[in-house]
Amino acid sequence: MIMVSMKFPTNCIKGIPNSDFIKEGIVLPHLFYFSEQARDDDWKEQSINWKDNENAIKLTMEQRKEDGELQFKIGVAIIPRDEIDRLSRLPTVNGVLSYERKPLNDNPYHGNLLLKNNVSTILMKAIAAGLALAVAENRLRQSEYLL
């Protein structure tokens, strides 16, 4: 598995782009749906940041799209790595869920949740639900985006 080759922080951060992904303060599973596009190594990726420190949250909250608009208008969800590890050890998930650290030029915290390409849509949605249930904390903006 990809995750065993490096030490990872206790938590990762998933940005919440809009209000379609949260209801009554609860992160909805489709925030964690993986795209259809697989990499050459047969993994699908989902962008996260690793919470090395509070600056990782600040950077994620301030991340902008190419047009200057905020990327994560609602805020961020924080997921304990132990919960991802627990989920990945379940018999139906073992060997198909992983993570990596993949820093970018402007983001040293960047990484990915990874899902094997051959996972069925039903299992992918079950994993997404497990990740949503594993969210330990939300840091939401107090802004017009939450109205």
C-alpha atoms as a PDB file:
ATOM      1  CA  MET A   1       0.000   0.000   0.000  1.00  0.00           C
ATOM      2  CA  ILE A   2       1.081   3.545  -0.625  1.00  0.00           C
ATOM      3  CA  MET A   3       0.552   4.824   2.926  1.00  0.00           C
ATOM      4  CA  VAL A   4       3.181   2.690   4.690  1.00  0.00           C
ATOM      5  CA  SER A   5       6.263   4.399   3.264  1.00  0.00           C
ATOM      6  CA  MET A   6       5.964   7.676   5.185  1.00  0.00           C
ATOM      7  CA  LYS A   7       4.850   9.080   8.531  1.00  0.00           C
ATOM      8  CA  PHE A   8       1.596  10.991   8.311  1.00  0.00           C
ATOM      9  CA  PRO A   9      -0.011  13.576  10.609  1.00  0.00           C
ATOM     10  CA  THR A  10      -2.860  12.623  12.916  1.00  0.00           C
ATOM     11  CA  ASN A  11      -5.498  14.381  10.782  1.00  0.00           C
ATOM     12  CA  CYS A  12      -6.240  15.333   7.222  1.00  0.00           C
ATOM     13  CA  ILE A  13      -8.354  18.190   5.904  1.00  0.00           C
ATOM     14  CA  LYS A  14     -11.018  18.047   3.210  1.00  0.00           C
ATOM     15  CA  GLY A  15     -12.299  21.329   1.799  1.00  0.00           C
ATOM     16  CA  ILE A  16     -16.058  21.897   1.579  1.00  0.00           C
ATOM     17  CA  PRO A  17     -16.685  23.831  -1.650  1.00  0.00           C
ATOM     18  CA  ASN A  18     -20.361  24.714  -1.249  1.00  0.00           C
ATOM     19  CA  SER A  19     -23.502  24.131   0.791  1.00  0.00           C
ATOM     20  CA  ASP A  20     -24.495  21.081  -1.291  1.00  0.00           C
ATOM     21  CA  PHE A  21     -21.980  19.070   0.759  1.00  0.00           C
ATOM     22  CA  ILE A  22     -23.201  19.886   4.270  1.00  0.00           C
ATOM     23  CA  LYS A  23     -26.579  19.850   5.986  1.00  0.00           C
ATOM     24  CA  GLU A  24     -27.359  20.711   9.604  1.00  0.00           C
ATOM     25  CA  GLY A  25     -23.628  20.811  10.283  1.00  0.00           C
ATOM     26  CA  ILE A  26     -23.105  17.270   8.988  1.00  0.00           C
ATOM     27  CA  VAL A  27     -20.778  16.601   6.073  1.00  0.00           C
ATOM     28  CA  LEU A  28     -22.623  14.584   3.440  1.00  0.00           C
ATOM     29  CA  PRO A  29     -21.068  11.454   1.913  1.00  0.00           C
ATOM     30  CA  HIS A  30     -20.892  12.791  -1.637  1.00  0.00           C
ATOM     31  CA  LEU A  31     -18.110  15.163  -0.521  1.00  0.00           C
ATOM     32  CA  PHE A  32     -15.970  12.003  -0.539  1.00  0.00           C
ATOM     33  CA  TYR A  33     -17.069  10.506  -3.864  1.00  0.00           C
ATOM     34  CA  PHE A  34     -14.113   9.639  -6.050  1.00  0.00           C
ATOM     35  CA  SER A  35     -13.957  10.732  -9.668  1.00  0.00           C
ATOM     36  CA  GLU A  36     -14.178   8.267 -12.522  1.00  0.00           C
ATOM     37  CA  GLN A  37     -10.709   9.191 -13.768  1.00  0.00           C
ATOM     38  CA  ALA A  38      -7.958   6.807 -12.635  1.00  0.00           C
ATOM     39  CA  ARG A  39      -4.237   7.510 -12.669  1.00  0.00           C
ATOM     40  CA  ASP A  40      -1.761   5.362 -14.579  1.00  0.00           C
ATOM     41  CA  ASP A  41      -1.081   3.361 -11.395  1.00  0.00           C
ATOM     42  CA  ASP A  42      -4.776   2.306 -11.196  1.00  0.00           C
ATOM     43  CA  TRP A  43      -5.712   4.539  -8.238  1.00  0.00           C
ATOM     44  CA  LYS A  44      -8.358   7.279  -8.224  1.00  0.00           C
ATOM     45  CA  GLU A  45      -7.415  10.284  -6.160  1.00  0.00           C
ATOM     46  CA  GLN A  46      -9.280  12.768  -4.034  1.00  0.00           C
ATOM     47  CA  SER A  47      -7.415  15.870  -2.944  1.00  0.00           C
ATOM     48  CA  ILE A  48      -6.844  16.528   0.761  1.00  0.00           C
ATOM     49  CA  ASN A  49      -4.361  18.438   2.865  1.00  0.00           C
ATOM     50  CA  TRP A  50      -2.462  16.945   5.778  1.00  0.00           C
ATOM     51  CA  LYS A  51      -2.843  18.853   9.044  1.00  0.00           C
ATOM     52  CA  ASP A  52       0.800  19.231   9.998  1.00  0.00           C
ATOM     53  CA  ASN A  53      -0.177  22.364  11.942  1.00  0.00           C
ATOM     54  CA  GLU A  54      -2.830  25.088  12.050  1.00  0.00           C
ATOM     55  CA  ASN A  55      -1.274  26.741   8.985  1.00  0.00           C
ATOM     56  CA  ALA A  56      -2.556  23.805   6.917  1.00  0.00           C
ATOM     57  CA  ILE A  57      -6.127  24.725   7.870  1.00  0.00           C
ATOM     58  CA  LYS A  58      -5.494  28.390   7.142  1.00  0.00           C
ATOM     59  CA  LEU A  59      -3.996  27.597   3.729  1.00  0.00           C
ATOM     60  CA  THR A  60      -6.918  25.309   2.876  1.00  0.00           C
ATOM     61  CA  MET A  61      -9.490  27.894   3.945  1.00  0.00           C
ATOM     62  CA  GLU A  62      -7.755  30.586   1.862  1.00  0.00           C
ATOM     63  CA  GLN A  63      -7.231  28.431  -1.255  1.00  0.00           C
ATOM     64  CA  ARG A  64      -8.525  30.078  -4.408  1.00  0.00           C
ATOM     65  CA  LYS A  65      -9.488  28.913  -7.878  1.00  0.00           C
ATOM     66  CA  GLU A  66      -7.723  30.266 -10.953  1.00  0.00           C
ATOM     67  CA  ASP A  67     -10.358  33.013 -11.266  1.00  0.00           C
ATOM     68  CA  GLY A  68      -9.647  34.213  -7.695  1.00  0.00           C
ATOM     69  CA  GLU A  69     -12.858  32.824  -6.204  1.00  0.00           C
ATOM     70  CA  LEU A  70     -12.598  30.930  -2.908  1.00  0.00           C
ATOM     71  CA  GLN A  71     -12.238  27.183  -3.528  1.00  0.00           C
ATOM     72  CA  PHE A  72     -13.818  26.077  -0.244  1.00  0.00           C
ATOM     73  CA  LYS A  73     -16.560  28.607   0.427  1.00  0.00           C
ATOM     74  CA  ILE A  74     -18.108  26.689   3.332  1.00  0.00           C
ATOM     75  CA  GLY A  75     -14.973  25.635   5.191  1.00  0.00           C
ATOM     76  CA  VAL A  76     -13.188  22.384   5.941  1.00  0.00           C
ATOM     77  CA  ALA A  77     -13.806  18.981   7.481  1.00  0.00           C
ATOM     78  CA  ILE A  78     -11.107  17.372   9.602  1.00  0.00           C
ATOM     79  CA  ILE A  79     -10.784  13.582   9.495  1.00  0.00           C
ATOM     80  CA  PRO A  80      -8.587  11.582  11.875  1.00  0.00           C
ATOM     81  CA  ARG A  81      -6.103   9.397  10.017  1.00  0.00           C
ATOM     82  CA  ASP A  82      -6.826   6.594  12.508  1.00  0.00           C
ATOM     83  CA  GLU A  83     -10.427   6.528  11.241  1.00  0.00           C
ATOM     84  CA  ILE A  84      -9.246   6.236   7.642  1.00  0.00           C
ATOM     85  CA  ASP A  85      -6.921   3.420   8.712  1.00  0.00           C
ATOM     86  CA  ARG A  86      -9.769   1.690  10.577  1.00  0.00           C
ATOM     87  CA  LEU A  87     -12.029   1.961   7.534  1.00  0.00           C
ATOM     88  CA  SER A  88      -9.293   0.654   5.227  1.00  0.00           C
ATOM     89  CA  ARG A  89      -8.874  -2.471   7.389  1.00  0.00           C
ATOM     90  CA  LEU A  90     -12.514  -3.524   7.095  1.00  0.00           C
ATOM     91  CA  PRO A  91     -12.828  -6.800   5.143  1.00  0.00           C
ATOM     92  CA  THR A  92     -14.757  -5.206   2.262  1.00  0.00           C
ATOM     93  CA  VAL A  93     -12.363  -2.255   2.025  1.00  0.00           C
ATOM     94  CA  ASN A  94      -8.991  -3.866   2.741  1.00  0.00           C
ATOM     95  CA  GLY A  95      -6.536  -3.085  -0.059  1.00  0.00           C
ATOM     96  CA  VAL A  96      -8.704  -0.615  -1.961  1.00  0.00           C
ATOM     97  CA  LEU A  97      -8.454   2.557   0.179  1.00  0.00           C
ATOM     98  CA  SER A  98      -5.177   4.331   0.865  1.00  0.00           C
ATOM     99  CA  TYR A  99      -3.630   7.793   1.028  1.00  0.00           C
ATOM    100  CA  GLU A 100      -0.488   9.630   0.078  1.00  0.00           C
ATOM    101  CA  ARG A 101       1.359  12.852   0.554  1.00  0.00           C
ATOM    102  CA  LYS A 102       1.919  14.721  -2.708  1.00  0.00           C
ATOM    103  CA  PRO A 103       3.102  18.293  -2.046  1.00  0.00           C
ATOM    104  CA  LEU A 104       2.462  20.943  -4.671  1.00  0.00           C
ATOM    105  CA  ASN A 105       4.643  23.992  -5.368  1.00  0.00           C
ATOM    106  CA  ASP A 106       2.213  26.281  -3.543  1.00  0.00           C
ATOM    107  CA  ASN A 107       0.923  23.721  -1.023  1.00  0.00           C
ATOM    108  CA  PRO A 108       3.331  21.632   1.071  1.00  0.00           C
ATOM    109  CA  TYR A 109       0.389  19.980   2.895  1.00  0.00           C
ATOM    110  CA  HIS A 110      -1.266  18.479  -0.183  1.00  0.00           C
ATOM    111  CA  GLY A 111      -2.010  14.790  -0.491  1.00  0.00           C
ATOM    112  CA  ASN A 112      -4.716  12.451  -1.724  1.00  0.00           C
ATOM    113  CA  LEU A 113      -7.133   9.866  -0.492  1.00  0.00           C
ATOM    114  CA  LEU A 114      -6.801   6.969  -2.910  1.00  0.00           C
ATOM    115  CA  LEU A 115      -9.275   4.376  -4.133  1.00  0.00           C
ATOM    116  CA  LYS A 116      -8.448   1.430  -6.388  1.00  0.00           C
ATOM    117  CA  ASN A 117      -9.889   1.873  -9.862  1.00  0.00           C
ATOM    118  CA  ASN A 118     -11.785  -1.443  -9.900  1.00  0.00           C
ATOM    119  CA  VAL A 119     -13.992  -0.609  -6.883  1.00  0.00           C
ATOM    120  CA  SER A 120     -17.716  -0.772  -7.632  1.00  0.00           C
ATOM    121  CA  THR A 121     -19.845   2.347  -7.351  1.00  0.00           C
ATOM    122  CA  ILE A 122     -21.744   0.783  -4.434  1.00  0.00           C
ATOM    123  CA  LEU A 123     -18.551   0.142  -2.464  1.00  0.00           C
ATOM    124  CA  MET A 124     -17.183   3.606  -3.333  1.00  0.00           C
ATOM    125  CA  LYS A 125     -20.370   5.169  -1.922  1.00  0.00           C
ATOM    126  CA  ALA A 126     -20.126   3.020   1.216  1.00  0.00           C
ATOM    127  CA  ILE A 127     -16.516   4.144   1.704  1.00  0.00           C
ATOM    128  CA  ALA A 128     -17.561   7.762   1.146  1.00  0.00           C
ATOM    129  CA  ALA A 129     -20.245   7.341   3.826  1.00  0.00           C
ATOM    130  CA  GLY A 130     -17.633   5.896   6.187  1.00  0.00           C
ATOM    131  CA  LEU A 131     -15.352   8.865   5.571  1.00  0.00           C
ATOM    132  CA  ALA A 132     -18.231  11.295   6.149  1.00  0.00           C
ATOM    133  CA  LEU A 133     -19.059   9.578   9.438  1.00  0.00           C
ATOM    134  CA  ALA A 134     -15.386   9.775  10.431  1.00  0.00           C
ATOM    135  CA  VAL A 135     -15.307  13.591  10.263  1.00  0.00           C
ATOM    136  CA  ALA A 136     -14.268  14.711  13.737  1.00  0.00           C
ATOM    137  CA  GLU A 137     -14.600  18.460  13.279  1.00  0.00           C
ATOM    138  CA  ASN A 138     -15.891  21.058  10.847  1.00  0.00           C
ATOM    139  CA  ARG A 139     -14.404  24.519  10.601  1.00  0.00           C
ATOM    140  CA  LEU A 140     -17.109  26.516   8.886  1.00  0.00           C
ATOM    141  CA  ARG A 141     -16.977  30.094   7.685  1.00  0.00           C
ATOM    142  CA  GLN A 142     -19.259  32.637   9.223  1.00  0.00           C
ATOM    143  CA  SER A 143     -20.236  34.275   5.948  1.00  0.00           C
ATOM    144  CA  GLU A 144     -22.846  34.844   3.299  1.00  0.00           C
ATOM    145  CA  TYR A 145     -22.001  31.418   1.841  1.00  0.00           C
ATOM    146  CA  LEU A 146     -23.778  29.715   4.747  1.00  0.00           C
ATOM    147  CA  LEU A 147     -27.081  31.559   4.254  1.00  0.00           C
END
